[in-house]
């Protein structure tokens, strides 16, 4: 009887960890459900549509390294990680990315609507954990920072798209 109660409690806790009907996306999904190591679980809202692919990238939390070319970061032995997932046709969007350990990191989300693996300013979307309006300027490091402890750290990221002369912002 104790075993059944334990299993029920475990299943309830796993369901509460992310929105109902959400499947955790990306090759690191197990890091957010397995409970081993450190990871960031990003709950994405505000997608313009359900086309293309979704990308989550992890950078060092320094101005010098934020949004730096991934090949340079890897060559220099610095933290960089990228995960991709197909955009689900419906339901909540939750992505998971492993991190090397507790600490401060910068996170970038992009919605590659045409699937060409190259950011298209006119059609693709982007977002950061601060959810501040991006506008027309290059994103600031402070907009992307996440403090990660032991285990899974959950952040909410609202996708933003080009909104005319004002630059990038949420759809509504």
Protein backbone atom coordinates (compact mmCIF):
# COMPACT_ATOMS: atom_id res chain seq x y z
CA UNK A 1 0.00 0.00 0.00
CA UNK A 2 2.85 2.40 0.84
CA UNK A 3 4.38 1.72 -2.58
CA UNK A 4 1.13 2.64 -4.37
CA UNK A 5 0.84 5.87 -2.36
CA UNK A 6 4.48 6.71 -3.18
CA UNK A 7 3.93 6.07 -6.91
CA UNK A 8 0.77 8.20 -6.92
CA UNK A 9 2.56 11.06 -5.16
CA UNK A 10 5.49 10.81 -7.59
CA UNK A 11 3.16 10.93 -10.61
CA UNK A 12 1.28 13.91 -9.15
CA UNK A 13 4.55 15.79 -8.55
CA UNK A 14 5.74 15.10 -12.10
CA UNK A 15 2.46 16.40 -13.51
CA UNK A 16 2.65 19.56 -11.41
CA UNK A 17 6.21 20.28 -12.59
CA UNK A 18 5.00 21.65 -15.92
CA UNK A 19 1.70 22.77 -17.45
CA UNK A 20 -1.01 20.22 -18.15
CA UNK A 21 -0.73 18.49 -21.53
CA UNK A 22 2.86 19.70 -21.86
CA UNK A 23 5.49 17.41 -23.21
CA UNK A 24 9.01 18.56 -22.36
CA UNK A 25 10.79 19.13 -25.67
CA UNK A 26 14.41 18.73 -26.75
CA UNK A 27 17.08 16.10 -26.37
CA UNK A 28 17.69 17.22 -22.76
CA UNK A 29 14.08 16.52 -21.67
CA UNK A 30 15.26 13.81 -19.29
CA UNK A 31 17.34 16.34 -17.36
CA UNK A 32 14.15 18.11 -16.25
CA UNK A 33 12.30 14.96 -15.27
CA UNK A 34 15.16 12.79 -14.04
CA UNK A 35 16.10 14.95 -11.10
CA UNK A 36 19.85 14.47 -11.59
CA UNK A 37 22.15 17.42 -12.18
CA UNK A 38 21.14 20.98 -13.00
CA UNK A 39 18.87 22.10 -15.82
CA UNK A 40 16.68 24.97 -17.00
CA UNK A 41 13.06 24.26 -17.87
CA UNK A 42 11.75 27.04 -20.14
CA UNK A 43 7.99 27.46 -20.43
CA UNK A 44 7.43 29.29 -23.71
CA UNK A 45 4.34 31.42 -24.39
CA UNK A 46 3.21 33.81 -27.12
CA UNK A 47 4.20 31.84 -30.22
CA UNK A 48 3.00 33.50 -33.41
CA UNK A 49 2.11 30.12 -34.93
CA UNK A 50 3.00 26.44 -34.74
CA UNK A 51 5.42 26.30 -37.66
CA UNK A 52 9.14 25.56 -37.85
CA UNK A 53 11.47 24.67 -35.01
CA UNK A 54 12.28 25.98 -31.57
CA UNK A 55 15.78 26.57 -30.25
CA UNK A 56 17.13 27.18 -26.76
CA UNK A 57 20.75 28.26 -26.27
CA UNK A 58 22.88 28.50 -23.15
CA UNK A 59 25.72 31.06 -22.89
CA UNK A 60 28.19 32.16 -20.23
CA UNK A 61 26.85 35.03 -18.12
CA UNK A 62 29.38 37.62 -19.34
CA UNK A 63 28.95 40.57 -21.72
CA UNK A 64 31.96 39.37 -23.71
CA UNK A 65 30.51 35.89 -24.32
CA UNK A 66 26.78 36.57 -24.57
CA UNK A 67 25.56 35.78 -28.13
CA UNK A 68 29.16 35.11 -29.22
CA UNK A 69 29.67 32.63 -32.08
CA UNK A 70 29.26 29.12 -30.69
CA UNK A 71 32.38 27.86 -32.49
CA UNK A 72 34.50 30.45 -30.68
CA UNK A 73 32.96 29.62 -27.29
CA UNK A 74 33.58 25.90 -27.78
CA UNK A 75 37.15 26.51 -29.01
CA UNK A 76 37.80 28.63 -25.88
CA UNK A 77 36.38 25.91 -23.63
CA UNK A 78 33.48 28.08 -22.45
CA UNK A 79 29.92 27.06 -21.70
CA UNK A 80 27.68 26.73 -24.72
CA UNK A 81 24.78 24.42 -25.36
CA UNK A 82 22.01 24.38 -27.98
CA UNK A 83 18.90 22.25 -28.20
CA UNK A 84 16.33 22.06 -30.98
CA UNK A 85 12.74 20.83 -30.99
CA UNK A 86 10.00 20.71 -33.58
CA UNK A 87 7.17 23.09 -32.74
CA UNK A 88 4.33 21.02 -31.30
CA UNK A 89 1.00 21.37 -33.15
CA UNK A 90 -0.84 22.29 -29.94
CA UNK A 91 -0.55 22.46 -26.18
CA UNK A 92 1.92 24.07 -23.84
CA UNK A 93 5.51 24.48 -25.00
CA UNK A 94 8.13 23.45 -22.46
CA UNK A 95 11.81 23.00 -23.32
CA UNK A 96 14.62 21.66 -21.17
CA UNK A 97 18.36 22.32 -21.40
CA UNK A 98 21.10 20.82 -19.24
CA UNK A 99 23.60 23.15 -17.59
CA UNK A 100 27.10 22.23 -16.34
CA UNK A 101 26.14 22.90 -12.73
CA UNK A 102 24.69 25.53 -10.40
CA UNK A 103 25.58 29.10 -11.36
CA UNK A 104 24.60 32.07 -13.52
CA UNK A 105 23.90 31.57 -17.24
CA UNK A 106 22.40 33.48 -20.16
CA UNK A 107 19.54 31.90 -22.12
CA UNK A 108 18.22 32.71 -25.61
CA UNK A 109 15.04 31.27 -27.13
CA UNK A 110 14.30 31.54 -30.87
CA UNK A 111 11.36 30.45 -33.01
CA UNK A 112 12.82 29.50 -36.39
CA UNK A 113 9.52 29.71 -38.29
CA UNK A 114 10.90 28.79 -41.73
CA UNK A 115 13.20 26.03 -40.46
CA UNK A 116 16.29 27.40 -42.25
CA UNK A 117 18.50 27.54 -39.13
CA UNK A 118 19.33 31.21 -39.74
CA UNK A 119 17.60 33.97 -37.81
CA UNK A 120 15.29 35.92 -40.12
CA UNK A 121 14.68 39.33 -38.56
CA UNK A 122 11.41 39.72 -40.50
CA UNK A 123 9.70 36.45 -39.57
CA UNK A 124 11.40 34.65 -36.68
CA UNK A 125 10.78 35.24 -33.00
CA UNK A 126 13.05 35.49 -29.98
CA UNK A 127 12.76 35.70 -26.24
CA UNK A 128 14.65 35.90 -22.96
CA UNK A 129 13.80 35.05 -19.35
CA UNK A 130 13.35 38.72 -18.31
CA UNK A 131 10.47 39.10 -20.82
CA UNK A 132 11.38 42.77 -21.26
CA UNK A 133 10.39 44.18 -24.63
CA UNK A 134 13.37 43.75 -26.96
CA UNK A 135 12.69 46.74 -29.22
CA UNK A 136 15.26 47.53 -31.93
CA UNK A 137 18.52 47.21 -30.04
CA UNK A 138 20.74 44.19 -29.48
CA UNK A 139 19.55 42.27 -26.41
CA UNK A 140 21.36 43.04 -23.15
CA UNK A 141 22.94 40.34 -21.01
CA UNK A 142 20.76 41.28 -18.02
CA UNK A 143 17.66 40.32 -20.05
CA UNK A 144 18.93 36.77 -20.48
CA UNK A 145 20.33 35.92 -17.04
CA UNK A 146 19.13 32.90 -15.07
CA UNK A 147 20.44 31.79 -11.69
CA UNK A 148 20.45 28.00 -11.61
CA UNK A 149 20.65 26.03 -8.38
CA UNK A 150 20.81 22.30 -7.82
CA UNK A 151 18.07 20.55 -9.76
CA UNK A 152 15.66 22.16 -12.22
CA UNK A 153 15.16 25.92 -12.47
CA UNK A 154 11.96 26.97 -14.24
CA UNK A 155 11.76 30.18 -16.29
CA UNK A 156 8.94 31.66 -18.35
CA UNK A 157 9.86 33.10 -21.74
CA UNK A 158 7.41 35.08 -23.85
CA UNK A 159 8.22 34.98 -27.57
CA UNK A 160 8.58 38.33 -29.33
CA UNK A 161 8.36 39.16 -33.03
CA UNK A 162 9.01 42.20 -35.21
CA UNK A 163 6.19 44.68 -34.54
CA UNK A 164 6.83 47.44 -37.08
CA UNK A 165 9.12 50.41 -36.44
CA UNK A 166 9.13 49.78 -32.69
CA UNK A 167 11.14 46.59 -33.14
CA UNK A 168 10.52 43.30 -31.37
CA UNK A 169 7.75 42.88 -28.86
CA UNK A 170 5.14 40.36 -27.70
CA UNK A 171 2.15 39.83 -30.00
CA UNK A 172 -0.48 40.92 -27.49
